[in-house]
Structure formats: C-alpha cells, structure tokens
PDB file of N, CA and C in Angstrom:
ATOM      1  N   MET A   1       0.848  -1.178   0.000  1.00  0.00           N
ATOM      2  CA  MET A   1       0.000   0.000   0.000  1.00  0.00           C
ATOM      3  C   MET A   1       0.891   1.237   0.000  1.00  0.00           C
ATOM      4  N   THR A   2       0.461   2.226  -0.739  1.00  0.00           N
ATOM      5  CA  THR A   2       1.185   3.485  -0.785  1.00  0.00           C
ATOM      6  C   THR A   2       0.436   4.509   0.046  1.00  0.00           C
ATOM      7  N   TRP A   3       1.152   5.218   0.882  1.00  0.00           N
ATOM      8  CA  TRP A   3       0.558   6.232   1.746  1.00  0.00           C
ATOM      9  C   TRP A   3       0.740   7.596   1.104  1.00  0.00           C
ATOM     10  N   SER A   4      -0.289   8.441   1.180  1.00  0.00           N
ATOM     11  CA  SER A   4      -0.208   9.774   0.598  1.00  0.00           C
ATOM     12  C   SER A   4       0.781  10.631   1.385  1.00  0.00           C
ATOM     13  N   VAL A   5       1.264  11.671   0.740  1.00  0.00           N
ATOM     14  CA  VAL A   5       2.179  12.606   1.387  1.00  0.00           C
ATOM     15  C   VAL A   5       1.515  13.206   2.618  1.00  0.00           C
ATOM     16  N   ARG A   6       0.263  13.595   2.474  1.00  0.00           N
ATOM     17  CA  ARG A   6      -0.435  14.212   3.614  1.00  0.00           C
ATOM     18  C   ARG A   6      -0.644  13.225   4.757  1.00  0.00           C
ATOM     19  N   CYS A   7      -0.856  11.979   4.432  1.00  0.00           N
ATOM     20  CA  CYS A   7      -0.985  10.963   5.478  1.00  0.00           C
ATOM     21  C   CYS A   7       0.327  10.823   6.244  1.00  0.00           C
ATOM     22  N   CYS A   8       1.430  10.788   5.505  1.00  0.00           N
ATOM     23  CA  CYS A   8       2.747  10.691   6.147  1.00  0.00           C
ATOM     24  C   CYS A   8       3.036  11.933   6.984  1.00  0.00           C
ATOM     25  N   GLU A   9       2.624  13.090   6.479  1.00  0.00           N
ATOM     26  CA  GLU A   9       2.798  14.325   7.254  1.00  0.00           C
ATOM     27  C   GLU A   9       1.960  14.275   8.528  1.00  0.00           C
ATOM     28  N   GLY A  10       0.735  13.762   8.409  1.00  0.00           N
ATOM     29  CA  GLY A  10      -0.124  13.637   9.583  1.00  0.00           C
ATOM     30  C   GLY A  10       0.476  12.693  10.612  1.00  0.00           C
ATOM     31  N   PHE A  11       1.048  11.597  10.145  1.00  0.00           N
ATOM     32  CA  PHE A  11       1.705  10.661  11.052  1.00  0.00           C
ATOM     33  C   PHE A  11       2.858  11.346  11.780  1.00  0.00           C
ATOM     34  N   ALA A  12       3.671  12.094  11.021  1.00  0.00           N
ATOM     35  CA  ALA A  12       4.818  12.786  11.620  1.00  0.00           C
ATOM     36  C   ALA A  12       4.349  13.835  12.632  1.00  0.00           C
ATOM     37  N   LEU A  13       3.290  14.550  12.301  1.00  0.00           N
ATOM     38  CA  LEU A  13       2.768  15.559  13.228  1.00  0.00           C
ATOM     39  C   LEU A  13       2.201  14.898  14.490  1.00  0.00           C
ATOM     40  N   ALA A  14       1.513  13.781  14.321  1.00  0.00           N
ATOM     41  CA  ALA A  14       0.977  13.062  15.484  1.00  0.00           C
ATOM     42  C   ALA A  14       2.116  12.569  16.370  1.00  0.00           C
ATOM     43  N   ALA A  15       3.164  12.063  15.758  1.00  0.00           N
ATOM     44  CA  ALA A  15       4.323  11.611  16.527  1.00  0.00           C
ATOM     45  C   ALA A  15       4.959  12.791  17.259  1.00  0.00           C
ATOM     46  N   THR A  16       5.026  13.931  16.608  1.00  0.00           N
ATOM     47  CA  THR A  16       5.598  15.132  17.230  1.00  0.00           C
ATOM     48  C   THR A  16       4.761  15.559  18.433  1.00  0.00           C
ATOM     49  N   ILE A  17       3.454  15.592  18.254  1.00  0.00           N
ATOM     50  CA  ILE A  17       2.552  15.992  19.338  1.00  0.00           C
ATOM     51  C   ILE A  17       2.666  15.026  20.522  1.00  0.00           C
ATOM     52  N   ALA A  18       2.814  13.737  20.223  1.00  0.00           N
ATOM     53  CA  ALA A  18       2.907  12.708  21.273  1.00  0.00           C
ATOM     54  C   ALA A  18       4.314  12.568  21.850  1.00  0.00           C
ATOM     55  N   ALA A  19       5.224  13.440  21.396  1.00  0.00           N
ATOM     56  CA  ALA A  19       6.625  13.366  21.830  1.00  0.00           C
ATOM     57  C   ALA A  19       7.218  11.982  21.553  1.00  0.00           C
ATOM     58  N   ASP A  20       6.803  11.401  20.445  1.00  0.00           N
ATOM     59  CA  ASP A  20       7.289  10.087  20.014  1.00  0.00           C
ATOM     60  C   ASP A  20       8.364  10.330  18.958  1.00  0.00           C
ATOM     61  N   ARG A  21       9.558  10.619  19.422  1.00  0.00           N
ATOM     62  CA  ARG A  21      10.667  10.974  18.534  1.00  0.00           C
ATOM     63  C   ARG A  21      10.881   9.901  17.466  1.00  0.00           C
ATOM     64  N   ALA A  22      10.876  10.327  16.226  1.00  0.00           N
ATOM     65  CA  ALA A  22      11.059   9.458  15.055  1.00  0.00           C
ATOM     66  C   ALA A  22       9.903   8.467  14.864  1.00  0.00           C
ATOM     67  N   GLY A  23       8.804   8.631  15.601  1.00  0.00           N
ATOM     68  CA  GLY A  23       7.662   7.737  15.455  1.00  0.00           C
ATOM     69  C   GLY A  23       7.919   6.326  15.918  1.00  0.00           C
ATOM     70  N   GLY A  24       8.918   6.137  16.764  1.00  0.00           N
ATOM     71  CA  GLY A  24       9.331   4.804  17.202  1.00  0.00           C
ATOM     72  C   GLY A  24       8.262   4.004  17.914  1.00  0.00           C
ATOM     73  N   LEU A  25       7.511   4.641  18.814  1.00  0.00           N
ATOM     74  CA  LEU A  25       6.476   3.901  19.542  1.00  0.00           C
ATOM     75  C   LEU A  25       5.325   3.511  18.627  1.00  0.00           C
ATOM     76  N   ALA A  26       4.887   4.443  17.794  1.00  0.00           N
ATOM     77  CA  ALA A  26       3.788   4.145  16.864  1.00  0.00           C
ATOM     78  C   ALA A  26       4.213   3.083  15.853  1.00  0.00           C
ATOM     79  N   ALA A  27       5.479   3.077  15.492  1.00  0.00           N
ATOM     80  CA  ALA A  27       5.982   2.126  14.493  1.00  0.00           C
ATOM     81  C   ALA A  27       5.867   0.684  14.966  1.00  0.00           C
ATOM     82  N   LEU A  28       5.825   0.467  16.269  1.00  0.00           N
ATOM     83  CA  LEU A  28       5.738  -0.891  16.784  1.00  0.00           C
ATOM     84  C   LEU A  28       4.491  -1.621  16.296  1.00  0.00           C
ATOM     85  N   GLY A  29       3.431  -0.880  16.025  1.00  0.00           N
ATOM     86  CA  GLY A  29       2.186  -1.495  15.582  1.00  0.00           C
ATOM     87  C   GLY A  29       1.999  -1.514  14.079  1.00  0.00           C
ATOM     88  N   LEU A  30       3.023  -1.143  13.338  1.00  0.00           N
ATOM     89  CA  LEU A  30       2.904  -1.068  11.881  1.00  0.00           C
ATOM     90  C   LEU A  30       3.613  -2.225  11.192  1.00  0.00           C
ATOM     91  N   SER A  31       3.142  -2.552  10.001  1.00  0.00           N
ATOM     92  CA  SER A  31       3.853  -3.548   9.193  1.00  0.00           C
ATOM     93  C   SER A  31       5.172  -2.923   8.738  1.00  0.00           C
ATOM     94  N   PRO A  32       6.150  -3.739   8.360  1.00  0.00           N
ATOM     95  CA  PRO A  32       7.433  -3.179   7.911  1.00  0.00           C
ATOM     96  C   PRO A  32       7.293  -2.197   6.746  1.00  0.00           C
ATOM     97  N   ALA A  33       6.420  -2.513   5.782  1.00  0.00           N
ATOM     98  CA  ALA A  33       6.243  -1.618   4.629  1.00  0.00           C
ATOM     99  C   ALA A  33       5.627  -0.291   5.062  1.00  0.00           C
ATOM    100  N   ALA A  34       4.608  -0.347   5.907  1.00  0.00           N
ATOM    101  CA  ALA A  34       3.965   0.881   6.390  1.00  0.00           C
ATOM    102  C   ALA A  34       4.942   1.680   7.253  1.00  0.00           C
ATOM    103  N   ARG A  35       5.695   0.985   8.090  1.00  0.00           N
ATOM    104  CA  ARG A  35       6.669   1.637   8.967  1.00  0.00           C
ATOM    105  C   ARG A  35       7.670   2.444   8.152  1.00  0.00           C
ATOM    106  N   MET A  36       8.158   1.847   7.071  1.00  0.00           N
ATOM    107  CA  MET A  36       9.171   2.509   6.255  1.00  0.00           C
ATOM    108  C   MET A  36       8.620   3.808   5.662  1.00  0.00           C
ATOM    109  N   GLN A  37       7.398   3.772   5.167  1.00  0.00           N
ATOM    110  CA  GLN A  37       6.821   4.962   4.549  1.00  0.00           C
ATOM    111  C   GLN A  37       6.377   5.983   5.577  1.00  0.00           C
ATOM    112  N   LEU A  38       5.642   5.539   6.577  1.00  0.00           N
ATOM    113  CA  LEU A  38       5.053   6.475   7.524  1.00  0.00           C
ATOM    114  C   LEU A  38       6.077   7.117   8.458  1.00  0.00           C
ATOM    115  N   CYS A  39       7.117   6.410   8.790  1.00  0.00           N
ATOM    116  CA  CYS A  39       8.107   6.942   9.732  1.00  0.00           C
ATOM    117  C   CYS A  39       9.201   7.779   9.071  1.00  0.00           C
ATOM    118  N   ALA A  40       9.284   7.767   7.756  1.00  0.00           N
ATOM    119  CA  ALA A  40      10.376   8.469   7.074  1.00  0.00           C
ATOM    120  C   ALA A  40      10.441   9.941   7.457  1.00  0.00           C
ATOM    121  N   LEU A  41       9.316  10.633   7.416  1.00  0.00           N
ATOM    122  CA  LEU A  41       9.321  12.057   7.752  1.00  0.00           C
ATOM    123  C   LEU A  41       9.576  12.266   9.243  1.00  0.00           C
ATOM    124  N   SER A  42       9.044  11.395  10.086  1.00  0.00           N
ATOM    125  CA  SER A  42       9.291  11.501  11.528  1.00  0.00           C
ATOM    126  C   SER A  42      10.786  11.370  11.827  1.00  0.00           C
ATOM    127  N   ILE A  43      11.426  10.434  11.159  1.00  0.00           N
ATOM    128  CA  ILE A  43      12.870  10.232  11.346  1.00  0.00           C
ATOM    129  C   ILE A  43      13.627  11.455  10.850  1.00  0.00           C
ATOM    130  N   GLU A  44      13.212  11.953   9.677  1.00  0.00           N
ATOM    131  CA  GLU A  44      13.852  13.143   9.118  1.00  0.00           C
ATOM    132  C   GLU A  44      13.729  14.327  10.072  1.00  0.00           C
ATOM    133  N   LEU A  45      12.540  14.520  10.642  1.00  0.00           N
ATOM    134  CA  LEU A  45      12.339  15.614  11.591  1.00  0.00           C
ATOM    135  C   LEU A  45      13.192  15.437  12.839  1.00  0.00           C
ATOM    136  N   SER A  46      13.303  14.201  13.303  1.00  0.00           N
ATOM    137  CA  SER A  46      14.057  13.952  14.539  1.00  0.00           C
ATOM    138  C   SER A  46      15.547  14.241  14.371  1.00  0.00           C
ATOM    139  N   GLU A  47      16.039  14.177  13.139  1.00  0.00           N
ATOM    140  CA  GLU A  47      17.463  14.406  12.882  1.00  0.00           C
ATOM    141  C   GLU A  47      17.810  15.873  12.650  1.00  0.00           C
ATOM    142  N   LEU A  48      16.797  16.723  12.532  1.00  0.00           N
ATOM    143  CA  LEU A  48      17.049  18.147  12.299  1.00  0.00           C
ATOM    144  C   LEU A  48      17.409  18.862  13.605  1.00  0.00           C
ATOM    145  N   PRO A  49      18.190  19.932  13.515  1.00  0.00           N
ATOM    146  CA  PRO A  49      18.408  20.763  14.698  1.00  0.00           C
ATOM    147  C   PRO A  49      17.069  21.348  15.157  1.00  0.00           C
ATOM    148  N   ARG A  50      16.971  21.704  16.409  1.00  0.00           N
ATOM    149  CA  ARG A  50      15.703  22.131  16.988  1.00  0.00           C
ATOM    150  C   ARG A  50      15.027  23.250  16.194  1.00  0.00           C
ATOM    151  N   ALA A  51      15.753  24.296  15.843  1.00  0.00           N
ATOM    152  CA  ALA A  51      15.159  25.431  15.120  1.00  0.00           C
ATOM    153  C   ALA A  51      14.642  25.002  13.749  1.00  0.00           C
ATOM    154  N   ALA A  52      15.407  24.201  13.060  1.00  0.00           N
ATOM    155  CA  ALA A  52      14.990  23.723  11.737  1.00  0.00           C
ATOM    156  C   ALA A  52      13.776  22.807  11.862  1.00  0.00           C
ATOM    157  N   ARG A  53      13.763  21.982  12.889  1.00  0.00           N
ATOM    158  CA  ARG A  53      12.629  21.079  13.117  1.00  0.00           C
ATOM    159  C   ARG A  53      11.357  21.885  13.382  1.00  0.00           C
ATOM    160  N   ARG A  54      11.475  22.895  14.232  1.00  0.00           N
ATOM    161  CA  ARG A  54      10.308  23.731  14.540  1.00  0.00           C
ATOM    162  C   ARG A  54       9.791  24.428  13.294  1.00  0.00           C
ATOM    163  N   ALA A  55      10.693  24.933  12.473  1.00  0.00           N
ATOM    164  CA  ALA A  55      10.297  25.617  11.239  1.00  0.00           C
ATOM    165  C   ALA A  55       9.592  24.644  10.290  1.00  0.00           C
ATOM    166  N   ARG A  56      10.115  23.442  10.186  1.00  0.00           N
ATOM    167  CA  ARG A  56       9.515  22.438   9.293  1.00  0.00           C
ATOM    168  C   ARG A  56       8.142  22.021   9.792  1.00  0.00           C
ATOM    169  N   VAL A  57       8.004  21.814  11.083  1.00  0.00           N
ATOM    170  CA  VAL A  57       6.704  21.457  11.652  1.00  0.00           C
ATOM    171  C   VAL A  57       5.714  22.595  11.425  1.00  0.00           C
ATOM    172  N   LYS A  58       6.165  23.823  11.580  1.00  0.00           N
ATOM    173  CA  LYS A  58       5.288  24.969  11.351  1.00  0.00           C
ATOM    174  C   LYS A  58       4.799  24.978   9.909  1.00  0.00           C
ATOM    175  N   ARG A  59       5.688  24.705   8.953  1.00  0.00           N
ATOM    176  CA  ARG A  59       5.288  24.661   7.538  1.00  0.00           C
ATOM    177  C   ARG A  59       4.278  23.530   7.294  1.00  0.00           C
ATOM    178  N   LEU A  60       4.470  22.411   7.967  1.00  0.00           N
ATOM    179  CA  LEU A  60       3.548  21.283   7.799  1.00  0.00           C
ATOM    180  C   LEU A  60       2.151  21.593   8.324  1.00  0.00           C
ATOM    181  N   THR A  61       2.055  22.462   9.301  1.00  0.00           N
ATOM    182  CA  THR A  61       0.761  22.758   9.907  1.00  0.00           C
ATOM    183  C   THR A  61       0.048  23.929   9.254  1.00  0.00           C
ATOM    184  N   GLU A  62       0.688  24.591   8.295  1.00  0.00           N
ATOM    185  CA  GLU A  62       0.025  25.706   7.617  1.00  0.00           C
ATOM    186  C   GLU A  62      -1.092  25.178   6.737  1.00  0.00           C
ATOM    187  N   ALA A  63      -2.171  25.940   6.675  1.00  0.00           N
ATOM    188  CA  ALA A  63      -3.316  25.556   5.849  1.00  0.00           C
ATOM    189  C   ALA A  63      -2.915  25.538   4.380  1.00  0.00           C
ATOM    190  N   ARG A  64      -3.421  24.537   3.681  1.00  0.00           N
ATOM    191  CA  ARG A  64      -3.174  24.433   2.242  1.00  0.00           C
ATOM    192  C   ARG A  64      -4.508  24.309   1.527  1.00  0.00           C
ATOM    193  N   PRO A  65      -4.655  24.987   0.407  1.00  0.00           N
ATOM    194  CA  PRO A  65      -5.935  24.905  -0.307  1.00  0.00           C
ATOM    195  C   PRO A  65      -6.126  23.536  -0.945  1.00  0.00           C
ATOM    196  N   ILE A  66      -7.348  23.266  -1.284  1.00  0.00           N
ATOM    197  CA  ILE A  66      -7.655  22.038  -2.010  1.00  0.00           C
ATOM    198  C   ILE A  66      -6.917  22.088  -3.338  1.00  0.00           C
ATOM    199  N   ALA A  67      -6.356  20.978  -3.735  1.00  0.00           N
ATOM    200  CA  ALA A  67      -5.619  20.920  -4.996  1.00  0.00           C
ATOM    201  C   ALA A  67      -6.520  21.327  -6.158  1.00  0.00           C
ATOM    202  N   SER A  68      -5.981  22.129  -7.068  1.00  0.00           N
ATOM    203  CA  SER A  68      -6.791  22.605  -8.178  1.00  0.00           C
ATOM    204  C   SER A  68      -7.043  21.514  -9.212  1.00  0.00           C
ATOM    205  N   GLN A  69      -6.136  20.592  -9.347  1.00  0.00           N
ATOM    206  CA  GLN A  69      -6.308  19.495 -10.294  1.00  0.00           C
ATOM    207  C   GLN A  69      -7.037  18.359  -9.596  1.00  0.00           C
ATOM    208  N   GLN A  70      -8.139  17.941 -10.135  1.00  0.00           N
ATOM    209  CA  GLN A  70      -8.918  16.871  -9.520  1.00  0.00           C
ATOM    210  C   GLN A  70      -8.990  15.639 -10.415  1.00  0.00           C
ATOM    211  N   ALA A  71      -7.975  15.430 -11.244  1.00  0.00           N
ATOM    212  CA  ALA A  71      -7.947  14.272 -12.129  1.00  0.00           C
ATOM    213  C   ALA A  71      -8.040  12.994 -11.312  1.00  0.00           C
ATOM    214  N   GLY A  72      -8.853  12.090 -11.762  1.00  0.00           N
ATOM    215  CA  GLY A  72      -8.993  10.812 -11.078  1.00  0.00           C
ATOM    216  C   GLY A  72      -9.963  10.843  -9.918  1.00  0.00           C
ATOM    217  N   ARG A  73     -10.529  11.994  -9.634  1.00  0.00           N
ATOM    218  CA  ARG A  73     -11.505  12.086  -8.552  1.00  0.00           C
ATOM    219  C   ARG A  73     -12.897  11.765  -9.092  1.00  0.00           C
ATOM    220  N   SER A  74     -13.764  11.308  -8.239  1.00  0.00           N
ATOM    221  CA  SER A  74     -15.139  11.016  -8.622  1.00  0.00           C
ATOM    222  C   SER A  74     -15.868  12.315  -8.913  1.00  0.00           C
ATOM    223  N   ALA A  75     -16.317  12.476 -10.146  1.00  0.00           N
ATOM    224  CA  ALA A  75     -17.048  13.690 -10.502  1.00  0.00           C
ATOM    225  C   ALA A  75     -18.324  13.807  -9.678  1.00  0.00           C
ATOM    226  N   ARG A  76     -18.976  12.677  -9.416  1.00  0.00           N
ATOM    227  CA  ARG A  76     -20.206  12.720  -8.623  1.00  0.00           C
ATOM    228  C   ARG A  76     -19.896  13.159  -7.186  1.00  0.00           C
ATOM    229  N   GLY A  77     -18.833  12.616  -6.609  1.00  0.00           N
ATOM    230  CA  GLY A  77     -18.458  13.015  -5.250  1.00  0.00           C
ATOM    231  C   GLY A  77     -18.105  14.489  -5.183  1.00  0.00           C
ATOM    232  N   LEU A  78     -17.364  14.963  -6.178  1.00  0.00           N
ATOM    233  CA  LEU A  78     -17.027  16.388  -6.209  1.00  0.00           C
ATOM    234  C   LEU A  78     -18.281  17.226  -6.402  1.00  0.00           C
ATOM    235  N   GLY A  79     -19.249  16.709  -7.143  1.00  0.00           N
ATOM    236  CA  GLY A  79     -20.516  17.419  -7.324  1.00  0.00           C
ATOM    237  C   GLY A  79     -21.252  17.579  -6.004  1.00  0.00           C
ATOM    238  N   TRP A  80     -21.249  16.537  -5.172  1.00  0.00           N
ATOM    239  CA  TRP A  80     -21.893  16.641  -3.859  1.00  0.00           C
ATOM    240  C   TRP A  80     -21.212  17.712  -3.019  1.00  0.00           C
ATOM    241  N   LEU A  81     -19.889  17.733  -3.072  1.00  0.00           N
ATOM    242  CA  LEU A  81     -19.170  18.758  -2.316  1.00  0.00           C
ATOM    243  C   LEU A  81     -19.448  20.142  -2.885  1.00  0.00           C
ATOM    244  N   ALA A  82     -19.515  20.221  -4.213  1.00  0.00           N
ATOM    245  CA  ALA A  82     -19.731  21.510  -4.863  1.00  0.00           C
ATOM    246  C   ALA A  82     -21.058  22.115  -4.438  1.00  0.00           C
ATOM    247  N   SER A  83     -22.047  21.284  -4.160  1.00  0.00           N
ATOM    248  CA  SER A  83     -23.352  21.808  -3.765  1.00  0.00           C
ATOM    249  C   SER A  83     -23.282  22.527  -2.422  1.00  0.00           C
ATOM    250  N   GLN A  84     -22.226  22.301  -1.660  1.00  0.00           N
ATOM    251  CA  GLN A  84     -22.078  22.936  -0.354  1.00  0.00           C
ATOM    252  C   GLN A  84     -21.015  24.026  -0.349  1.00  0.00           C
ATOM    253  N   ALA A  85     -20.378  24.243  -1.463  1.00  0.00           N
ATOM    254  CA  ALA A  85     -19.282  25.206  -1.511  1.00  0.00           C
ATOM    255  C   ALA A  85     -19.701  26.443  -2.295  1.00  0.00           C
ATOM    256  N   SER A  86     -19.043  27.550  -2.011  1.00  0.00           N
ATOM    257  CA  SER A  86     -19.367  28.781  -2.728  1.00  0.00           C
ATOM    258  C   SER A  86     -18.142  29.345  -3.429  1.00  0.00           C
ATOM    259  N   VAL A  87     -17.175  28.508  -3.683  1.00  0.00           N
ATOM    260  CA  VAL A  87     -15.935  28.960  -4.308  1.00  0.00           C
ATOM    261  C   VAL A  87     -15.951  28.618  -5.796  1.00  0.00           C
ATOM    262  N   PRO A  88     -15.160  29.308  -6.598  1.00  0.00           N
ATOM    263  CA  PRO A  88     -15.118  29.010  -8.035  1.00  0.00           C
ATOM    264  C   PRO A  88     -14.780  27.548  -8.324  1.00  0.00           C
ATOM    265  N   GLN A  89     -13.951  26.943  -7.483  1.00  0.00           N
ATOM    266  CA  GLN A  89     -13.599  25.530  -7.672  1.00  0.00           C
ATOM    267  C   GLN A  89     -14.850  24.659  -7.666  1.00  0.00           C
ATOM    268  N   ALA A  90     -15.773  24.978  -6.785  1.00  0.00           N
ATOM    269  CA  ALA A  90     -16.997  24.194  -6.681  1.00  0.00           C
ATOM    270  C   ALA A  90     -17.796  24.277  -7.974  1.00  0.00           C
ATOM    271  N   ARG A  91     -17.830  25.448  -8.589  1.00  0.00           N
ATOM    272  CA  ARG A  91     -18.548  25.587  -9.861  1.00  0.00           C
ATOM    273  C   ARG A  91     -17.933  24.693 -10.932  1.00  0.00           C
ATOM    274  N   ALA A  92     -16.606  24.643 -10.958  1.00  0.00           N
ATOM    275  CA  ALA A  92     -15.925  23.786 -11.942  1.00  0.00           C
ATOM    276  C   ALA A  92     -16.265  22.317 -11.692  1.00  0.00           C
ATOM    277  N   TRP A  93     -16.290  21.913 -10.418  1.00  0.00           N
ATOM    278  CA  TRP A  93     -16.641  20.539 -10.095  1.00  0.00           C
ATOM    279  C   TRP A  93     -18.073  20.240 -10.533  1.00  0.00           C
ATOM    280  N   ALA A  94     -18.977  21.180 -10.215  1.00  0.00           N
ATOM    281  CA  ALA A  94     -20.391  20.955 -10.487  1.00  0.00           C
ATOM    282  C   ALA A  94     -20.663  20.826 -11.976  1.00  0.00           C
ATOM    283  N   THR A  95     -19.972  21.601 -12.795  1.00  0.00           N
ATOM    284  CA  THR A  95     -20.226  21.528 -14.233  1.00  0.00           C
ATOM    285  C   THR A  95     -19.752  20.212 -14.833  1.00  0.00           C
ATOM    286  N   SER A  96     -18.776  19.554 -14.200  1.00  0.00           N
ATOM    287  CA  SER A  96     -18.280  18.293 -14.744  1.00  0.00           C
ATOM    288  C   SER A  96     -18.886  17.079 -14.044  1.00  0.00           C
ATOM    289  N   ALA A  97     -19.694  17.290 -13.036  1.00  0.00           N
ATOM    290  CA  ALA A  97     -20.199  16.183 -12.231  1.00  0.00           C
ATOM    291  C   ALA A  97     -21.546  15.673 -12.731  1.00  0.00           C
ATOM    292  N   ALA A  98     -21.717  14.371 -12.636  1.00  0.00           N
ATOM    293  CA  ALA A  98     -23.022  13.774 -12.892  1.00  0.00           C
ATOM    294  C   ALA A  98     -23.910  14.065 -11.687  1.00  0.00           C
ATOM    295  N   LEU A  99     -25.140  14.361 -11.945  1.00  0.00           N
ATOM    296  CA  LEU A  99     -26.041  14.671 -10.837  1.00  0.00           C
ATOM    297  C   LEU A  99     -26.481  13.388 -10.137  1.00  0.00           C
ATOM    298  N   PRO A 100     -26.646  13.442  -8.820  1.00  0.00           N
ATOM    299  CA  PRO A 100     -27.175  12.271  -8.117  1.00  0.00           C
ATOM    300  C   PRO A 100     -28.657  12.109  -8.468  1.00  0.00           C
ATOM    301  N   ARG A 101     -29.205  10.951  -8.146  1.00  0.00           N
ATOM    302  CA  ARG A 101     -30.619  10.721  -8.446  1.00  0.00           C
ATOM    303  C   ARG A 101     -31.473  11.751  -7.693  1.00  0.00           C
ATOM    304  N   PRO A 102     -32.613  12.102  -8.235  1.00  0.00           N
ATOM    305  CA  PRO A 102     -33.470  13.101  -7.583  1.00  0.00           C
ATOM    306  C   PRO A 102     -33.803  12.690  -6.145  1.00  0.00           C
ATOM    307  N   GLY A 103     -33.697  13.633  -5.245  1.00  0.00           N
ATOM    308  CA  GLY A 103     -34.025  13.394  -3.849  1.00  0.00           C
ATOM    309  C   GLY A 103     -32.914  12.785  -3.025  1.00  0.00           C
ATOM    310  N   PHE A 104     -31.782  12.447  -3.660  1.00  0.00           N
ATOM    311  CA  PHE A 104     -30.688  11.834  -2.911  1.00  0.00           C
ATOM    312  C   PHE A 104     -30.026  12.870  -2.012  1.00  0.00           C
ATOM    313  N   ALA A 105     -29.824  12.502  -0.762  1.00  0.00           N
ATOM    314  CA  ALA A 105     -29.096  13.346   0.190  1.00  0.00           C
ATOM    315  C   ALA A 105     -28.031  12.473   0.834  1.00  0.00           C
ATOM    316  N   PRO A 106     -26.748  12.741   0.562  1.00  0.00           N
ATOM    317  CA  PRO A 106     -25.698  11.886   1.129  1.00  0.00           C
ATOM    318  C   PRO A 106     -25.621  12.030   2.640  1.00  0.00           C
ATOM    319  N   GLU A 107     -25.188  10.963   3.279  1.00  0.00           N
ATOM    320  CA  GLU A 107     -24.973  10.989   4.729  1.00  0.00           C
ATOM    321  C   GLU A 107     -23.886  12.001   5.054  1.00  0.00           C
ATOM    322  N   PRO A 108     -23.980  12.692   6.173  1.00  0.00           N
ATOM    323  CA  PRO A 108     -22.925  13.648   6.548  1.00  0.00           C
ATOM    324  C   PRO A 108     -21.538  13.012   6.597  1.00  0.00           C
ATOM    325  N   ALA A 109     -21.465  11.744   7.013  1.00  0.00           N
ATOM    326  CA  ALA A 109     -20.161  11.070   7.069  1.00  0.00           C
ATOM    327  C   ALA A 109     -19.581  10.893   5.671  1.00  0.00           C
ATOM    328  N   LEU A 110     -20.442  10.628   4.684  1.00  0.00           N
ATOM    329  CA  LEU A 110     -19.978  10.486   3.307  1.00  0.00           C
ATOM    330  C   LEU A 110     -19.448  11.815   2.791  1.00  0.00           C
ATOM    331  N   VAL A 111     -20.168  12.884   3.073  1.00  0.00           N
ATOM    332  CA  VAL A 111     -19.720  14.215   2.645  1.00  0.00           C
ATOM    333  C   VAL A 111     -18.386  14.556   3.300  1.00  0.00           C
ATOM    334  N   ALA A 112     -18.244  14.242   4.579  1.00  0.00           N
ATOM    335  CA  ALA A 112     -16.975  14.512   5.271  1.00  0.00           C
ATOM    336  C   ALA A 112     -15.836  13.708   4.651  1.00  0.00           C
ATOM    337  N   LEU A 113     -16.104  12.452   4.338  1.00  0.00           N
ATOM    338  CA  LEU A 113     -15.080  11.616   3.708  1.00  0.00           C
ATOM    339  C   LEU A 113     -14.711  12.159   2.334  1.00  0.00           C
ATOM    340  N   LEU A 114     -15.701  12.507   1.540  1.00  0.00           N
ATOM    341  CA  LEU A 114     -15.424  13.068   0.212  1.00  0.00           C
ATOM    342  C   LEU A 114     -14.641  14.374   0.317  1.00  0.00           C
ATOM    343  N   ARG A 115     -14.953  15.176   1.320  1.00  0.00           N
ATOM    344  CA  ARG A 115     -14.213  16.427   1.515  1.00  0.00           C
ATOM    345  C   ARG A 115     -12.743  16.133   1.820  1.00  0.00           C
ATOM    346  N   ARG A 116     -12.492  15.148   2.694  1.00  0.00           N
ATOM    347  CA  ARG A 116     -11.098  14.789   3.010  1.00  0.00           C
ATOM    348  C   ARG A 116     -10.383  14.278   1.770  1.00  0.00           C
ATOM    349  N   ILE A 117     -11.060  13.472   0.971  1.00  0.00           N
ATOM    350  CA  ILE A 117     -10.452  12.956  -0.254  1.00  0.00           C
ATOM    351  C   ILE A 117     -10.135  14.086  -1.206  1.00  0.00           C
ATOM    352  N   ALA A 118     -11.060  15.026  -1.373  1.00  0.00           N
ATOM    353  CA  ALA A 118     -10.847  16.146  -2.291  1.00  0.00           C
ATOM    354  C   ALA A 118      -9.713  17.041  -1.834  1.00  0.00           C
ATOM    355  N   GLU A 119      -9.473  17.108  -0.531  1.00  0.00           N
ATOM    356  CA  GLU A 119      -8.396  17.951  -0.009  1.00  0.00           C
ATOM    357  C   GLU A 119      -7.033  17.310  -0.144  1.00  0.00           C
ATOM    358  N   THR A 120      -7.019  16.021  -0.456  1.00  0.00           N
ATOM    359  CA  THR A 120      -5.748  15.319  -0.640  1.00  0.00           C
ATOM    360  C   THR A 120      -5.264  15.571  -2.054  1.00  0.00           C
ATOM    361  N   GLU A 121      -4.015  15.949  -2.176  1.00  0.00           N
ATOM    362  CA  GLU A 121      -3.457  16.230  -3.490  1.00  0.00           C
ATOM    363  C   GLU A 121      -3.369  14.955  -4.317  1.00  0.00           C
ATOM    364  N   PRO A 122      -3.802  15.025  -5.597  1.00  0.00           N
ATOM    365  CA  PRO A 122      -3.686  13.839  -6.454  1.00  0.00           C
ATOM    366  C   PRO A 122      -2.252  13.376  -6.546  1.00  0.00           C
ATOM    367  N   GLY A 123      -2.064  12.071  -6.543  1.00  0.00           N
ATOM    368  CA  GLY A 123      -0.731  11.500  -6.681  1.00  0.00           C
ATOM    369  C   GLY A 123       0.106  11.544  -5.423  1.00  0.00           C
ATOM    370  N   SER A 124      -0.497  11.994  -4.308  1.00  0.00           N
ATOM    371  CA  SER A 124       0.294  12.032  -3.070  1.00  0.00           C
ATOM    372  C   SER A 124      -0.216  11.017  -2.092  1.00  0.00           C
TER     373      SER A 124
END
C-alpha cells in the first residue's frame, strides 16, 4: 500500500505531538512496509536541529488549499461537495459532475469523507 504525502505528514505531526521521537512507539504497531513509509518524515524531523525542526513542523501545519487538479476524482463526489461550496472551484466541479438521483441526500459522514479525499493532493 502506498501512503499519501499528507498521510505521512499527519503521522509525523501526530508523533511530534505525542513526543514520540522518530515515530518509534507508533511504528511498533505497523507492518514493515507501512513503517518505512510512515516513519520516514518523523525520522527526518528527529534528525534536524531544533530550530529547523520547529520551522519544518510549522510549515507542515500551515493551511493548504484544495488541490486545483482533480484528475482521477469522482465527478459525482465532487458534485456533492460543490453543492455545499461557494468557491469558483466548486462551480468547476459541479459543471463536470453527474447529478445524483433526484431526492438523494448523502450521509454527513460520506460528505466529510469526500471532503477529506478532495483535499488530498492527487498523486500524493
């Protein structure tokens, strides 16, 4: 399995918050393949000098917009999200999306999941 860049960043940030230097404690519960991918950034952060580490963590926690390229994303899922958004991106999604069946209202959990997926950069 391949982990997205944002997932690996989230793992590193969680390890940082938990004072789990290099993600060592969390790594105990991971498969070797997952450990190698997920812990890479945590290890990299642990090897940086304190000031550089703090700066890098700060950059990781800065808000990032939804990726403008949505290739490979579900047009229908993006359409559901677009119905709740008021940004130009939502209009672009809506024009390319197939409409759901009349009267369909997605579960809030589905909308939240689709939102998280849409916020993940393609190919990461």
